[in-house]
N, C-alpha and C. Protein backbone atom coordinates (compact mmCIF):
# COMPACT_ATOMS: atom_id res chain seq x y z
N MET A 1 0.84 -1.18 0.00
CA MET A 1 0.00 0.00 0.00
C MET A 1 0.89 1.25 0.00
N GLU A 2 0.54 2.21 -0.84
CA GLU A 2 1.32 3.44 -0.93
C GLU A 2 1.08 4.33 0.28
N ASP A 3 2.11 5.08 0.64
CA ASP A 3 1.95 6.07 1.70
C ASP A 3 1.04 7.18 1.19
N PRO A 4 0.14 7.66 2.04
CA PRO A 4 -0.71 8.78 1.60
C PRO A 4 0.13 10.03 1.38
N LYS A 5 -0.26 10.81 0.38
CA LYS A 5 0.47 12.02 0.05
C LYS A 5 -0.47 13.21 0.07
N LEU A 6 0.04 14.31 0.55
CA LEU A 6 -0.71 15.56 0.54
C LEU A 6 -0.29 16.32 -0.70
N GLU A 7 -1.21 16.50 -1.65
CA GLU A 7 -0.91 17.22 -2.88
C GLU A 7 -1.48 18.63 -2.79
N ILE A 8 -0.61 19.61 -2.96
CA ILE A 8 -1.02 21.00 -2.90
C ILE A 8 -0.60 21.66 -4.21
N ALA A 9 -1.60 22.07 -4.99
CA ALA A 9 -1.32 22.74 -6.26
C ALA A 9 -1.02 24.21 -6.01
N PRO A 10 -0.14 24.78 -6.82
CA PRO A 10 0.14 26.21 -6.64
C PRO A 10 -1.09 27.05 -6.96
N LYS A 11 -1.20 28.18 -6.30
CA LYS A 11 -2.31 29.08 -6.58
C LYS A 11 -2.12 29.68 -7.96
N LYS A 12 -3.21 29.82 -8.69
CA LYS A 12 -3.13 30.41 -10.02
C LYS A 12 -2.91 31.92 -9.91
N TYR A 13 -3.59 32.53 -8.97
CA TYR A 13 -3.50 33.98 -8.80
C TYR A 13 -2.71 34.27 -7.54
N SER A 14 -1.78 35.20 -7.64
CA SER A 14 -1.00 35.57 -6.47
C SER A 14 -0.76 37.07 -6.52
N GLY A 15 -0.14 37.58 -5.51
CA GLY A 15 0.15 39.01 -5.46
C GLY A 15 -0.84 39.73 -4.56
N GLU A 16 -0.87 41.02 -4.73
CA GLU A 16 -1.71 41.86 -3.89
C GLU A 16 -3.19 41.58 -4.16
N SER A 17 -3.97 41.49 -3.10
CA SER A 17 -5.40 41.26 -3.27
C SER A 17 -6.15 42.58 -3.09
N THR A 18 -7.41 42.55 -3.45
CA THR A 18 -8.26 43.72 -3.31
C THR A 18 -9.61 43.28 -2.77
N VAL A 19 -10.31 44.19 -2.17
CA VAL A 19 -11.62 43.90 -1.60
C VAL A 19 -12.70 44.32 -2.59
N ILE A 20 -13.70 43.44 -2.77
CA ILE A 20 -14.85 43.78 -3.60
C ILE A 20 -16.12 43.54 -2.81
N SER A 21 -17.21 44.06 -3.30
CA SER A 21 -18.51 43.84 -2.69
C SER A 21 -19.33 42.98 -3.64
N LEU A 22 -20.04 42.01 -3.10
CA LEU A 22 -20.83 41.10 -3.91
C LEU A 22 -22.21 40.97 -3.31
N ARG A 23 -23.23 41.23 -4.09
CA ARG A 23 -24.60 41.13 -3.61
C ARG A 23 -25.16 39.76 -4.01
N ILE A 24 -25.52 38.93 -3.02
CA ILE A 24 -26.09 37.60 -3.28
C ILE A 24 -27.32 37.42 -2.41
N THR A 25 -28.11 36.41 -2.73
CA THR A 25 -29.31 36.15 -1.94
C THR A 25 -28.93 35.53 -0.59
N LYS A 26 -29.84 35.66 0.37
CA LYS A 26 -29.61 35.05 1.68
C LYS A 26 -29.52 33.54 1.56
N ALA A 27 -30.30 32.97 0.65
CA ALA A 27 -30.28 31.51 0.46
C ALA A 27 -28.92 31.04 -0.06
N MET A 28 -28.34 31.81 -0.99
CA MET A 28 -27.02 31.43 -1.51
C MET A 28 -25.97 31.54 -0.41
N LEU A 29 -26.05 32.59 0.39
CA LEU A 29 -25.10 32.75 1.49
C LEU A 29 -25.24 31.60 2.49
N ALA A 30 -26.47 31.17 2.74
CA ALA A 30 -26.69 30.04 3.65
C ALA A 30 -26.02 28.78 3.09
N ASP A 31 -26.12 28.57 1.78
CA ASP A 31 -25.47 27.41 1.16
C ASP A 31 -23.95 27.50 1.28
N ILE A 32 -23.41 28.70 1.06
CA ILE A 32 -21.96 28.90 1.18
C ILE A 32 -21.52 28.65 2.62
N ASP A 33 -22.27 29.17 3.58
CA ASP A 33 -21.92 28.97 4.99
C ASP A 33 -21.98 27.50 5.38
N LYS A 34 -22.94 26.77 4.83
CA LYS A 34 -23.07 25.34 5.14
C LYS A 34 -21.85 24.58 4.62
N ILE A 35 -21.46 24.87 3.38
CA ILE A 35 -20.29 24.21 2.80
C ILE A 35 -19.03 24.61 3.56
N ALA A 36 -18.94 25.88 3.95
CA ALA A 36 -17.78 26.35 4.71
C ALA A 36 -17.65 25.58 6.03
N ALA A 37 -18.76 25.40 6.71
CA ALA A 37 -18.75 24.67 7.98
C ALA A 37 -18.37 23.21 7.78
N GLU A 38 -18.86 22.61 6.70
CA GLU A 38 -18.58 21.20 6.44
C GLU A 38 -17.14 20.94 5.99
N THR A 39 -16.52 21.95 5.35
CA THR A 39 -15.19 21.74 4.77
C THR A 39 -14.07 22.43 5.54
N GLY A 40 -14.43 23.27 6.50
CA GLY A 40 -13.41 23.99 7.26
C GLY A 40 -12.76 25.12 6.46
N ARG A 41 -13.42 25.57 5.43
CA ARG A 41 -12.92 26.68 4.62
C ARG A 41 -13.70 27.94 4.95
N THR A 42 -13.14 29.08 4.60
CA THR A 42 -13.83 30.34 4.84
C THR A 42 -14.74 30.66 3.66
N ARG A 43 -15.66 31.60 3.89
CA ARG A 43 -16.49 32.08 2.79
C ARG A 43 -15.61 32.59 1.65
N ASN A 44 -14.60 33.36 2.01
CA ASN A 44 -13.71 33.93 1.01
C ASN A 44 -13.05 32.84 0.16
N GLU A 45 -12.54 31.79 0.81
CA GLU A 45 -11.90 30.70 0.07
C GLU A 45 -12.87 30.05 -0.90
N LEU A 46 -14.09 29.78 -0.43
CA LEU A 46 -15.08 29.12 -1.28
C LEU A 46 -15.47 29.99 -2.46
N MET A 47 -15.69 31.28 -2.23
CA MET A 47 -16.08 32.16 -3.33
C MET A 47 -14.93 32.33 -4.32
N THR A 48 -13.69 32.39 -3.82
CA THR A 48 -12.54 32.48 -4.71
C THR A 48 -12.41 31.22 -5.55
N LEU A 49 -12.57 30.06 -4.92
CA LEU A 49 -12.52 28.79 -5.67
C LEU A 49 -13.61 28.75 -6.73
N GLY A 50 -14.82 29.19 -6.37
CA GLY A 50 -15.92 29.21 -7.33
C GLY A 50 -15.66 30.14 -8.50
N LEU A 51 -15.10 31.32 -8.22
CA LEU A 51 -14.78 32.26 -9.30
C LEU A 51 -13.66 31.72 -10.19
N GLU A 52 -12.64 31.10 -9.60
CA GLU A 52 -11.57 30.50 -10.40
C GLU A 52 -12.13 29.41 -11.31
N PHE A 53 -13.03 28.59 -10.78
CA PHE A 53 -13.67 27.53 -11.57
C PHE A 53 -14.46 28.14 -12.72
N ALA A 54 -15.24 29.18 -12.42
CA ALA A 54 -16.05 29.82 -13.45
C ALA A 54 -15.18 30.43 -14.55
N LEU A 55 -14.10 31.10 -14.16
CA LEU A 55 -13.22 31.70 -15.15
C LEU A 55 -12.58 30.66 -16.06
N LYS A 56 -12.28 29.51 -15.49
CA LYS A 56 -11.66 28.43 -16.27
C LYS A 56 -12.65 27.78 -17.23
N HIS A 57 -13.93 27.72 -16.84
CA HIS A 57 -14.91 26.96 -17.61
C HIS A 57 -15.95 27.81 -18.35
N ILE A 58 -15.84 29.11 -18.25
CA ILE A 58 -16.84 29.97 -18.87
C ILE A 58 -16.73 29.90 -20.40
N ILE A 59 -17.86 29.96 -21.03
CA ILE A 59 -17.93 29.99 -22.49
C ILE A 59 -18.48 31.35 -22.89
N LYS A 60 -17.71 32.07 -23.64
CA LYS A 60 -18.12 33.41 -24.06
C LYS A 60 -18.94 33.29 -25.34
N ILE A 61 -20.11 33.91 -25.35
CA ILE A 61 -20.95 33.96 -26.53
C ILE A 61 -20.98 35.40 -27.00
N ILE A 62 -20.52 35.63 -28.19
CA ILE A 62 -20.45 36.98 -28.74
C ILE A 62 -21.41 37.08 -29.91
N ASP A 63 -22.35 38.00 -29.82
CA ASP A 63 -23.29 38.22 -30.92
C ASP A 63 -22.55 38.80 -32.11
N LYS A 64 -22.88 38.30 -33.29
CA LYS A 64 -22.25 38.82 -34.51
C LYS A 64 -23.25 39.62 -35.30
C-alpha cells in the first residue's frame, strides 16, 4: 500500500489582493456557509474557488 500524500497545487493567482462587494441572496449565502462549515474553509476561500472555476470553464458567446 502506498503512503498517503498531501498534494497542494500552486495558486493560479497571487500578489496583492483587493476587496470587492458582492450582492447575493440570503439563500445562496446560507449554502456557502453550510459548505464552509462542512469543509473547514472560509467564505472567502469558497467564493474564490468558485470564481476561479467559473473563469476556467466559462464559455463566451459573442453576438455577430
